Amino acid sequence: MRLFVVSGTSGAGKSVVLHALEDAGFYCIDNLPMGLLPAFAKELVHADSENYQYAAVGVDVRDLTGDLSNFPRILARLTELDVDCRVIFLDADDATLIKRFSETRRRHPLTDEQLTLADAIRHERTRLEPISSRADLKFDTSRTTIHQLRDWVLQQVGGPPGETTSLLFESFGFKHGVPVDADFVFDVRCLPNPHWEPHLRGLTGRDEEVATYLRGHEDVTHMLDDIAGFLDSWLPRFEADRRSYVTVAIGCTGGQHRSVYLTERLAERFRRAYPRVLTRHRELVH
């Protein structure tokens, strides 16, 4: 049985992830007390139904039993039950979380007369550290839409055994930070920059004018071939290790031109061998 424990800071998107998994056929429960996890997993293991072979449980700071600090011990018990348990942890920066609570007008579970929202968020991260430190998958949702988060989690969890590894090619701008969920990060800031061409500055790597400009530089083609060659060599190792997902991040300065172009070209190339290939352009969200 495969079990995903979904956790993270309040407002980071746990409900979105659980709903996405439920739509994908997972049996999902939100806000299960930590101490009941082993009993829940044991029931599903012995259940005489294929419907319970894929499950997800939401665990967060709302747990009133105080068992969050015991998560490592509980995780070990799940392993003893022969459960393939993986932990997904979601977070976002303080400013984003505060904005989300302000927009929804919901109360943070830890706020009270003595604790401000900002203090509650910091306190929550401390209490969730036993879970976050053991997360198999971490994702920062600060600059992510609901649809992108749903796509990400469905790509990451994979499908039944025997399916090929799925790939996510993601472009980003270094000036906005490196994606924390990437397995590989490639820096392409050394390549010719269309930003310095006035007629290309307002376009993106998806536009044909930018693509023509970059194709005309030998360094760009060389970089593309080198990255593809590296992935051709090492992706089979991930498949052999039963990894159902790999995230490849391509970064330039602003995430507008070079990284977008290379991300699109890599996705095109690897779709020939991998049926599940996704692209994401982080800085083109808005």
C-alpha atoms as a PDB file:
ATOM      1  CA  MET A   1       0.000   0.000   0.000  1.00  0.00           C
ATOM      2  CA  ARG A   2       1.193   3.517  -0.794  1.00  0.00           C
ATOM      3  CA  LEU A   3       0.432   6.224   1.766  1.00  0.00           C
ATOM      4  CA  PHE A   4       1.161   9.922   1.403  1.00  0.00           C
ATOM      5  CA  VAL A   5       1.290  12.108   4.514  1.00  0.00           C
ATOM      6  CA  VAL A   6       0.459  15.661   3.435  1.00  0.00           C
ATOM      7  CA  SER A   7       1.562  18.392   5.811  1.00  0.00           C
ATOM      8  CA  GLY A   8       2.770  21.973   5.835  1.00  0.00           C
ATOM      9  CA  THR A   9       2.062  25.454   7.074  1.00  0.00           C
ATOM     10  CA  SER A  10      -1.525  26.672   7.209  1.00  0.00           C
ATOM     11  CA  GLY A  11      -2.435  28.415   3.965  1.00  0.00           C
ATOM     12  CA  ALA A  12       0.291  26.703   1.917  1.00  0.00           C
ATOM     13  CA  GLY A  13      -2.121  24.502  -0.043  1.00  0.00           C
ATOM     14  CA  LYS A  14      -2.616  21.205   1.802  1.00  0.00           C
ATOM     15  CA  SER A  15      -6.328  21.113   0.975  1.00  0.00           C
ATOM     16  CA  VAL A  16      -5.569  21.632  -2.714  1.00  0.00           C
ATOM     17  CA  VAL A  17      -3.159  18.693  -2.660  1.00  0.00           C
ATOM     18  CA  LEU A  18      -5.585  16.396  -0.844  1.00  0.00           C
ATOM     19  CA  HIS A  19      -8.401  17.273  -3.246  1.00  0.00           C
ATOM     20  CA  ALA A  20      -6.119  16.604  -6.220  1.00  0.00           C
ATOM     21  CA  LEU A  21      -5.154  13.206  -4.828  1.00  0.00           C
ATOM     22  CA  GLU A  22      -8.773  12.355  -4.072  1.00  0.00           C
ATOM     23  CA  ASP A  23      -9.744  13.229  -7.650  1.00  0.00           C
ATOM     24  CA  ALA A  24      -6.932  10.943  -8.825  1.00  0.00           C
ATOM     25  CA  GLY A  25      -8.423   7.981  -6.945  1.00  0.00           C
ATOM     26  CA  PHE A  26      -6.643   8.176  -3.593  1.00  0.00           C
ATOM     27  CA  TYR A  27      -8.552   7.473  -0.382  1.00  0.00           C
ATOM     28  CA  CYS A  28      -8.043  10.720   1.560  1.00  0.00           C
ATOM     29  CA  ILE A  29      -8.573  11.872   5.143  1.00  0.00           C
ATOM     30  CA  ASP A  30      -7.763  15.352   6.432  1.00  0.00           C
ATOM     31  CA  ASN A  31      -6.696  16.276   9.971  1.00  0.00           C
ATOM     32  CA  LEU A  32      -6.237  12.728  11.242  1.00  0.00           C
ATOM     33  CA  PRO A  33      -4.705  12.688  14.739  1.00  0.00           C
ATOM     34  CA  MET A  34      -1.074  11.661  14.427  1.00  0.00           C
ATOM     35  CA  GLY A  35      -1.401   8.823  16.920  1.00  0.00           C
ATOM     36  CA  LEU A  36      -4.036   7.125  14.756  1.00  0.00           C
ATOM     37  CA  LEU A  37      -1.818   6.906  11.671  1.00  0.00           C
ATOM     38  CA  PRO A  38      -0.483   3.366  12.350  1.00  0.00           C
ATOM     39  CA  ALA A  39      -3.962   2.000  13.125  1.00  0.00           C
ATOM     40  CA  PHE A  40      -5.359   3.680  10.005  1.00  0.00           C
ATOM     41  CA  ALA A  41      -2.582   2.247   7.826  1.00  0.00           C
ATOM     42  CA  LYS A  42      -3.022  -1.221   9.348  1.00  0.00           C
ATOM     43  CA  GLU A  43      -6.725  -1.218   8.528  1.00  0.00           C
ATOM     44  CA  LEU A  44      -6.030  -0.285   4.913  1.00  0.00           C
ATOM     45  CA  VAL A  45      -3.283  -2.893   4.559  1.00  0.00           C
ATOM     46  CA  HIS A  46      -5.674  -5.630   5.636  1.00  0.00           C
ATOM     47  CA  ALA A  47      -8.691  -4.260   3.776  1.00  0.00           C
ATOM     48  CA  ASP A  48      -9.868  -6.620   1.061  1.00  0.00           C
ATOM     49  CA  SER A  49     -10.227  -3.906  -1.573  1.00  0.00           C
ATOM     50  CA  GLU A  50      -8.093  -2.339  -4.273  1.00  0.00           C
ATOM     51  CA  ASN A  51      -9.733   1.006  -3.426  1.00  0.00           C
ATOM     52  CA  TYR A  52      -7.495   1.424  -0.377  1.00  0.00           C
ATOM     53  CA  GLN A  53      -4.109   0.660  -1.959  1.00  0.00           C
ATOM     54  CA  TYR A  54      -3.462   4.372  -2.529  1.00  0.00           C
ATOM     55  CA  ALA A  55      -4.224   6.710   0.370  1.00  0.00           C
ATOM     56  CA  ALA A  56      -3.348  10.192   1.619  1.00  0.00           C
ATOM     57  CA  VAL A  57      -3.667  11.727   5.070  1.00  0.00           C
ATOM     58  CA  GLY A  58      -3.525  15.398   6.003  1.00  0.00           C
ATOM     59  CA  VAL A  59      -1.551  16.032   9.204  1.00  0.00           C
ATOM     60  CA  ASP A  60      -0.824  19.502  10.515  1.00  0.00           C
ATOM     61  CA  VAL A  61      -0.674  21.777  13.517  1.00  0.00           C
ATOM     62  CA  ARG A  62      -4.400  21.360  14.198  1.00  0.00           C
ATOM     63  CA  ASP A  63      -3.545  17.995  15.809  1.00  0.00           C
ATOM     64  CA  LEU A  64      -4.674  18.423  19.417  1.00  0.00           C
ATOM     65  CA  THR A  65      -3.040  15.247  20.704  1.00  0.00           C
ATOM     66  CA  GLY A  66       0.444  16.758  20.823  1.00  0.00           C
ATOM     67  CA  ASP A  67       1.903  13.835  18.847  1.00  0.00           C
ATOM     68  CA  LEU A  68       3.684  15.911  16.191  1.00  0.00           C
ATOM     69  CA  SER A  69       7.013  15.475  17.981  1.00  0.00           C
ATOM     70  CA  ASN A  70       6.517  11.692  17.776  1.00  0.00           C
ATOM     71  CA  PHE A  71       6.349  11.674  13.992  1.00  0.00           C
ATOM     72  CA  PRO A  72       9.740   9.919  13.511  1.00  0.00           C
ATOM     73  CA  ARG A  73       8.636   7.063  15.760  1.00  0.00           C
ATOM     74  CA  ILE A  74       5.238   6.825  14.031  1.00  0.00           C
ATOM     75  CA  LEU A  75       6.946   6.833  10.631  1.00  0.00           C
ATOM     76  CA  ALA A  76       9.085   3.900  11.766  1.00  0.00           C
ATOM     77  CA  ARG A  77       5.951   1.974  12.786  1.00  0.00           C
ATOM     78  CA  LEU A  78       4.470   2.523   9.332  1.00  0.00           C
ATOM     79  CA  THR A  79       7.619   1.051   7.813  1.00  0.00           C
ATOM     80  CA  GLU A  80       7.206  -2.013  10.013  1.00  0.00           C
ATOM     81  CA  LEU A  81       3.711  -2.456   8.565  1.00  0.00           C
ATOM     82  CA  ASP A  82       5.243  -2.662   5.086  1.00  0.00           C
ATOM     83  CA  VAL A  83       3.606   0.607   4.044  1.00  0.00           C
ATOM     84  CA  ASP A  84       5.258   2.657   1.289  1.00  0.00           C
ATOM     85  CA  CYS A  85       4.911   5.966   3.139  1.00  0.00           C
ATOM     86  CA  ARG A  86       6.062   9.267   1.663  1.00  0.00           C
ATOM     87  CA  VAL A  87       5.801  12.717   3.177  1.00  0.00           C
ATOM     88  CA  ILE A  88       4.777  15.829   1.228  1.00  0.00           C
ATOM     89  CA  PHE A  89       5.485  19.154   2.951  1.00  0.00           C
ATOM     90  CA  LEU A  90       4.162  22.472   1.632  1.00  0.00           C
ATOM     91  CA  ASP A  91       5.290  25.939   2.667  1.00  0.00           C
ATOM     92  CA  ALA A  92       5.259  29.525   1.453  1.00  0.00           C
ATOM     93  CA  ASP A  93       7.023  32.689   2.544  1.00  0.00           C
ATOM     94  CA  ASP A  94       5.563  34.688   5.425  1.00  0.00           C
ATOM     95  CA  ALA A  95       4.308  37.549   3.252  1.00  0.00           C
ATOM     96  CA  THR A  96       2.382  35.162   1.003  1.00  0.00           C
ATOM     97  CA  LEU A  97       0.796  33.281   3.910  1.00  0.00           C
ATOM     98  CA  ILE A  98      -0.232  36.520   5.619  1.00  0.00           C
ATOM     99  CA  LYS A  99      -1.758  37.770   2.350  1.00  0.00           C
ATOM    100  CA  ARG A 100      -3.712  34.541   1.886  1.00  0.00           C
ATOM    101  CA  PHE A 101      -5.154  34.687   5.394  1.00  0.00           C
ATOM    102  CA  SER A 102      -6.058  38.327   4.831  1.00  0.00           C
ATOM    103  CA  GLU A 103      -7.820  37.549   1.538  1.00  0.00           C
ATOM    104  CA  THR A 104      -9.776  34.582   2.890  1.00  0.00           C
ATOM    105  CA  ARG A 105     -10.383  36.194   6.308  1.00  0.00           C
ATOM    106  CA  ARG A 106      -9.764  32.845   7.940  1.00  0.00           C
ATOM    107  CA  ARG A 107      -8.198  32.509  11.361  1.00  0.00           C
ATOM    108  CA  HIS A 108      -4.814  30.824  11.730  1.00  0.00           C
ATOM    109  CA  PRO A 109      -5.197  27.821  14.076  1.00  0.00           C
ATOM    110  CA  LEU A 110      -2.501  29.149  16.438  1.00  0.00           C
ATOM    111  CA  THR A 111      -3.465  32.824  16.679  1.00  0.00           C
ATOM    112  CA  ASP A 112      -4.843  34.152  19.938  1.00  0.00           C
ATOM    113  CA  GLU A 113      -4.760  37.360  21.954  1.00  0.00           C
ATOM    114  CA  GLN A 114      -1.053  36.931  22.691  1.00  0.00           C
ATOM    115  CA  LEU A 115       0.105  35.591  19.311  1.00  0.00           C
ATOM    116  CA  THR A 116       0.013  37.661  16.113  1.00  0.00           C
ATOM    117  CA  LEU A 117      -0.433  36.026  12.711  1.00  0.00           C
ATOM    118  CA  ALA A 118       3.262  36.454  11.860  1.00  0.00           C
ATOM    119  CA  ASP A 119       4.285  34.948  15.199  1.00  0.00           C
ATOM    120  CA  ALA A 120       1.810  32.089  14.739  1.00  0.00           C
ATOM    121  CA  ILE A 121       3.323  31.215  11.352  1.00  0.00           C
ATOM    122  CA  ARG A 122       6.846  31.101  12.790  1.00  0.00           C
ATOM    123  CA  HIS A 123       5.670  29.054  15.789  1.00  0.00           C
ATOM    124  CA  GLU A 124       3.845  26.671  13.447  1.00  0.00           C
ATOM    125  CA  ARG A 125       7.019  25.973  11.452  1.00  0.00           C
ATOM    126  CA  THR A 126       8.831  25.096  14.666  1.00  0.00           C
ATOM    127  CA  ARG A 127       6.119  22.656  15.718  1.00  0.00           C
ATOM    128  CA  LEU A 128       6.072  21.050  12.268  1.00  0.00           C
ATOM    129  CA  GLU A 129       9.849  20.594  12.109  1.00  0.00           C
ATOM    130  CA  PRO A 130       9.685  16.844  12.993  1.00  0.00           C
ATOM    131  CA  ILE A 131       7.603  16.393   9.833  1.00  0.00           C
ATOM    132  CA  SER A 132       9.330  18.851   7.496  1.00  0.00           C
ATOM    133  CA  SER A 133      12.781  17.460   8.315  1.00  0.00           C
ATOM    134  CA  ARG A 134      11.659  14.022   7.084  1.00  0.00           C
ATOM    135  CA  ALA A 135       9.763  15.139   4.005  1.00  0.00           C
ATOM    136  CA  ASP A 136      10.399  13.252   0.774  1.00  0.00           C
ATOM    137  CA  LEU A 137       8.880  16.068  -1.278  1.00  0.00           C
ATOM    138  CA  LYS A 138       8.962  19.757  -0.424  1.00  0.00           C
ATOM    139  CA  PHE A 139       7.260  22.478  -2.408  1.00  0.00           C
ATOM    140  CA  ASP A 140       7.206  26.254  -1.967  1.00  0.00           C
ATOM    141  CA  THR A 141       3.819  27.530  -3.145  1.00  0.00           C
ATOM    142  CA  SER A 142       4.616  31.242  -2.787  1.00  0.00           C
ATOM    143  CA  ARG A 143       4.532  31.847  -6.543  1.00  0.00           C
ATOM    144  CA  THR A 144       2.245  28.979  -7.533  1.00  0.00           C
ATOM    145  CA  THR A 145      -1.362  28.991  -8.675  1.00  0.00           C
ATOM    146  CA  ILE A 146      -3.861  26.367  -7.537  1.00  0.00           C
ATOM    147  CA  HIS A 147      -3.777  24.740 -10.978  1.00  0.00           C
ATOM    148  CA  GLN A 148       0.022  24.552 -10.968  1.00  0.00           C
ATOM    149  CA  LEU A 149       0.017  23.012  -7.490  1.00  0.00           C
ATOM    150  CA  ARG A 150      -2.494  20.369  -8.598  1.00  0.00           C
ATOM    151  CA  ASP A 151      -0.385  19.571 -11.667  1.00  0.00           C
ATOM    152  CA  TRP A 152       2.756  19.354  -9.549  1.00  0.00           C
ATOM    153  CA  VAL A 153       1.365  16.920  -6.985  1.00  0.00           C
ATOM    154  CA  LEU A 154      -0.195  14.655  -9.615  1.00  0.00           C
ATOM    155  CA  GLN A 155       3.100  14.588 -11.477  1.00  0.00           C
ATOM    156  CA  GLN A 156       5.072  13.876  -8.310  1.00  0.00           C
ATOM    157  CA  VAL A 157       3.024  11.058  -6.812  1.00  0.00           C
ATOM    158  CA  GLY A 158       3.285   8.913  -9.931  1.00  0.00           C
ATOM    159  CA  GLY A 159       1.021   6.035 -10.834  1.00  0.00           C
ATOM    160  CA  PRO A 160       0.921   2.280 -10.365  1.00  0.00           C
ATOM    161  CA  PRO A 161       4.213   0.338 -10.573  1.00  0.00           C
ATOM    162  CA  GLY A 162       5.437  -0.210 -14.095  1.00  0.00           C
ATOM    163  CA  GLU A 163       4.749   3.285 -15.399  1.00  0.00           C
ATOM    164  CA  THR A 164       7.688   5.296 -16.673  1.00  0.00           C
ATOM    165  CA  THR A 165       9.259   8.127 -14.734  1.00  0.00           C
ATOM    166  CA  SER A 166       7.456  11.431 -15.232  1.00  0.00           C
ATOM    167  CA  LEU A 167       9.457  14.581 -15.855  1.00  0.00           C
ATOM    168  CA  LEU A 168       8.793  18.192 -14.934  1.00  0.00           C
ATOM    169  CA  PHE A 169      10.900  20.776 -16.739  1.00  0.00           C
ATOM    170  CA  GLU A 170      10.699  24.089 -14.918  1.00  0.00           C
ATOM    171  CA  SER A 171      12.095  27.490 -15.890  1.00  0.00           C
ATOM    172  CA  PHE A 172      12.888  30.095 -13.244  1.00  0.00           C
ATOM    173  CA  GLY A 173      14.795  33.323 -12.601  1.00  0.00           C
ATOM    174  CA  PHE A 174      17.727  33.239 -10.194  1.00  0.00           C
ATOM    175  CA  LYS A 175      16.856  36.725  -8.944  1.00  0.00           C
ATOM    176  CA  HIS A 176      13.642  35.229  -7.530  1.00  0.00           C
ATOM    177  CA  GLY A 177      15.351  32.256  -5.878  1.00  0.00           C
ATOM    178  CA  VAL A 178      16.089  28.653  -6.814  1.00  0.00           C
ATOM    179  CA  PRO A 179      13.148  26.169  -6.718  1.00  0.00           C
ATOM    180  CA  VAL A 180      13.469  24.084  -3.554  1.00  0.00           C
ATOM    181  CA  ASP A 181      11.791  21.040  -5.126  1.00  0.00           C
ATOM    182  CA  ALA A 182      14.223  20.569  -8.037  1.00  0.00           C
ATOM    183  CA  ASP A 183      16.246  17.377  -8.455  1.00  0.00           C
ATOM    184  CA  PHE A 184      18.573  19.027 -10.977  1.00  0.00           C
ATOM    185  CA  VAL A 185      19.304  22.746 -11.430  1.00  0.00           C
ATOM    186  CA  PHE A 186      21.041  24.044 -14.550  1.00  0.00           C
ATOM    187  CA  ASP A 187      22.339  27.623 -14.748  1.00  0.00           C
ATOM    188  CA  VAL A 188      22.094  29.077 -18.273  1.00  0.00           C
ATOM    189  CA  ARG A 189      22.922  32.702 -17.423  1.00  0.00           C
ATOM    190  CA  CYS A 190      26.141  32.396 -19.452  1.00  0.00           C
ATOM    191  CA  LEU A 191      24.170  32.244 -22.713  1.00  0.00           C
ATOM    192  CA  PRO A 192      23.392  35.284 -24.926  1.00  0.00           C
ATOM    193  CA  ASN A 193      20.564  37.251 -23.347  1.00  0.00           C
ATOM    194  CA  PRO A 194      17.630  38.414 -25.533  1.00  0.00           C
ATOM    195  CA  HIS A 195      16.833  40.983 -22.834  1.00  0.00           C
ATOM    196  CA  TRP A 196      19.492  43.246 -24.306  1.00  0.00           C
ATOM    197  CA  GLU A 197      17.759  43.263 -27.693  1.00  0.00           C
ATOM    198  CA  PRO A 198      15.091  46.013 -27.476  1.00  0.00           C
ATOM    199  CA  HIS A 199      12.682  44.278 -29.887  1.00  0.00           C
ATOM    200  CA  LEU A 200      12.866  41.016 -27.850  1.00  0.00           C
ATOM    201  CA  ARG A 201      12.795  42.392 -24.324  1.00  0.00           C
ATOM    202  CA  GLY A 202       9.021  42.238 -23.906  1.00  0.00           C
ATOM    203  CA  LEU A 203       8.730  38.740 -25.365  1.00  0.00           C
ATOM    204  CA  THR A 204       9.401  35.335 -23.793  1.00  0.00           C
ATOM    205  CA  GLY A 205      11.213  32.158 -24.741  1.00  0.00           C
ATOM    206  CA  ARG A 206       7.919  30.838 -26.094  1.00  0.00           C
ATOM    207  CA  ASP A 207       7.845  33.447 -28.855  1.00  0.00           C
ATOM    208  CA  GLU A 208       9.278  32.509 -32.236  1.00  0.00           C
ATOM    209  CA  GLU A 209      11.345  35.711 -32.482  1.00  0.00           C
ATOM    210  CA  VAL A 210      13.199  34.813 -29.288  1.00  0.00           C
ATOM    211  CA  ALA A 211      13.553  31.181 -30.357  1.00  0.00           C
ATOM    212  CA  THR A 212      15.061  32.266 -33.688  1.00  0.00           C
ATOM    213  CA  TYR A 213      17.511  34.550 -31.903  1.00  0.00           C
ATOM    214  CA  LEU A 214      18.657  31.807 -29.501  1.00  0.00           C
ATOM    215  CA  ARG A 215      18.846  29.111 -32.182  1.00  0.00           C
ATOM    216  CA  GLY A 216      21.269  31.353 -34.013  1.00  0.00           C
ATOM    217  CA  HIS A 217      23.868  31.052 -31.255  1.00  0.00           C
ATOM    218  CA  GLU A 218      26.003  27.927 -31.181  1.00  0.00           C
ATOM    219  CA  ASP A 219      26.454  28.136 -27.398  1.00  0.00           C
ATOM    220  CA  VAL A 220      22.706  27.731 -26.890  1.00  0.00           C
ATOM    221  CA  THR A 221      22.565  24.584 -29.013  1.00  0.00           C
ATOM    222  CA  HIS A 222      25.654  23.236 -27.249  1.00  0.00           C
ATOM    223  CA  MET A 223      24.096  23.870 -23.813  1.00  0.00           C
ATOM    224  CA  LEU A 224      20.850  22.189 -24.873  1.00  0.00           C
ATOM    225  CA  ASP A 225      22.691  19.122 -26.139  1.00  0.00           C
ATOM    226  CA  ASP A 226      24.852  18.905 -23.001  1.00  0.00           C
ATOM    227  CA  ILE A 227      21.876  19.060 -20.624  1.00  0.00           C
ATOM    228  CA  ALA A 228      19.964  16.514 -22.703  1.00  0.00           C
ATOM    229  CA  GLY A 229      23.002  14.232 -22.791  1.00  0.00           C
ATOM    230  CA  PHE A 230      23.400  14.435 -19.021  1.00  0.00           C
ATOM    231  CA  LEU A 231      19.736  13.532 -18.499  1.00  0.00           C
ATOM    232  CA  ASP A 232      19.919  10.729 -21.060  1.00  0.00           C
ATOM    233  CA  SER A 233      22.747   9.221 -19.008  1.00  0.00           C
ATOM    234  CA  TRP A 234      21.253   9.569 -15.542  1.00  0.00           C
ATOM    235  CA  LEU A 235      17.464   9.368 -15.840  1.00  0.00           C
ATOM    236  CA  PRO A 236      17.632   5.569 -16.315  1.00  0.00           C
ATOM    237  CA  ARG A 237      19.277   5.380 -12.874  1.00  0.00           C
ATOM    238  CA  PHE A 238      16.280   7.172 -11.382  1.00  0.00           C
ATOM    239  CA  GLU A 239      13.938   4.747 -13.133  1.00  0.00           C
ATOM    240  CA  ALA A 240      15.942   1.807 -11.810  1.00  0.00           C
ATOM    241  CA  ASP A 241      15.559   3.294  -8.327  1.00  0.00           C
ATOM    242  CA  ARG A 242      11.754   3.312  -8.849  1.00  0.00           C
ATOM    243  CA  ARG A 243      11.572   7.090  -8.878  1.00  0.00           C
ATOM    244  CA  SER A 244       8.249   8.072 -10.387  1.00  0.00           C
ATOM    245  CA  TYR A 245       9.147  11.749 -10.819  1.00  0.00           C
ATOM    246  CA  VAL A 246      12.121  13.971 -11.581  1.00  0.00           C
ATOM    247  CA  THR A 247      12.100  17.778 -11.591  1.00  0.00           C
ATOM    248  CA  VAL A 248      14.641  19.560 -13.811  1.00  0.00           C
ATOM    249  CA  ALA A 249      14.955  23.303 -13.230  1.00  0.00           C
ATOM    250  CA  ILE A 250      16.535  25.613 -15.826  1.00  0.00           C
ATOM    251  CA  GLY A 251      17.455  29.062 -14.560  1.00  0.00           C
ATOM    252  CA  CYS A 252      18.474  32.339 -16.157  1.00  0.00           C
ATOM    253  CA  THR A 253      18.517  35.822 -14.633  1.00  0.00           C
ATOM    254  CA  GLY A 254      14.843  36.749 -14.858  1.00  0.00           C
ATOM    255  CA  GLY A 255      13.217  33.520 -16.014  1.00  0.00           C
ATOM    256  CA  GLN A 256      11.806  35.181 -19.121  1.00  0.00           C
ATOM    257  CA  HIS A 257      13.818  34.174 -22.189  1.00  0.00           C
ATOM    258  CA  ARG A 258      16.713  31.682 -22.084  1.00  0.00           C
ATOM    259  CA  SER A 259      15.401  29.362 -19.387  1.00  0.00           C
ATOM    260  CA  VAL A 260      11.916  29.315 -20.945  1.00  0.00           C
ATOM    261  CA  TYR A 261      13.299  28.492 -24.393  1.00  0.00           C
ATOM    262  CA  LEU A 262      15.520  25.660 -23.135  1.00  0.00           C
ATOM    263  CA  THR A 263      12.725  24.256 -20.965  1.00  0.00           C
ATOM    264  CA  GLU A 264      10.414  24.050 -23.979  1.00  0.00           C
ATOM    265  CA  ARG A 265      13.090  22.435 -26.160  1.00  0.00           C
ATOM    266  CA  LEU A 266      14.012  19.852 -23.509  1.00  0.00           C
ATOM    267  CA  ALA A 267      10.366  18.954 -22.987  1.00  0.00           C
ATOM    268  CA  GLU A 268       9.946  18.454 -26.739  1.00  0.00           C
ATOM    269  CA  ARG A 269      12.995  16.216 -26.878  1.00  0.00           C
ATOM    270  CA  PHE A 270      12.111  14.020 -23.894  1.00  0.00           C
ATOM    271  CA  ARG A 271       8.462  13.550 -24.850  1.00  0.00           C
ATOM    272  CA  ARG A 272       9.750  11.093 -27.452  1.00  0.00           C
ATOM    273  CA  ALA A 273      10.880   8.702 -24.707  1.00  0.00           C
ATOM    274  CA  TYR A 274       8.762   9.691 -21.682  1.00  0.00           C
ATOM    275  CA  PRO A 275       4.966   9.846 -22.084  1.00  0.00           C
ATOM    276  CA  ARG A 276       4.524  11.976 -18.957  1.00  0.00           C
ATOM    277  CA  VAL A 277       6.393  15.244 -19.452  1.00  0.00           C
ATOM    278  CA  LEU A 278       5.193  18.528 -17.958  1.00  0.00           C
ATOM    279  CA  THR A 279       6.504  22.072 -18.250  1.00  0.00           C
ATOM    280  CA  ARG A 280       6.217  24.924 -15.820  1.00  0.00           C
ATOM    281  CA  HIS A 281       7.414  28.516 -16.237  1.00  0.00           C
ATOM    282  CA  ARG A 282       7.515  29.926 -12.722  1.00  0.00           C
ATOM    283  CA  GLU A 283       8.127  33.540 -13.595  1.00  0.00           C
ATOM    284  CA  LEU A 284       5.447  33.641 -16.306  1.00  0.00           C
ATOM    285  CA  VAL A 285       2.625  33.060 -13.807  1.00  0.00           C
ATOM    286  CA  HIS A 286       1.438  36.660 -13.811  1.00  0.00           C
END
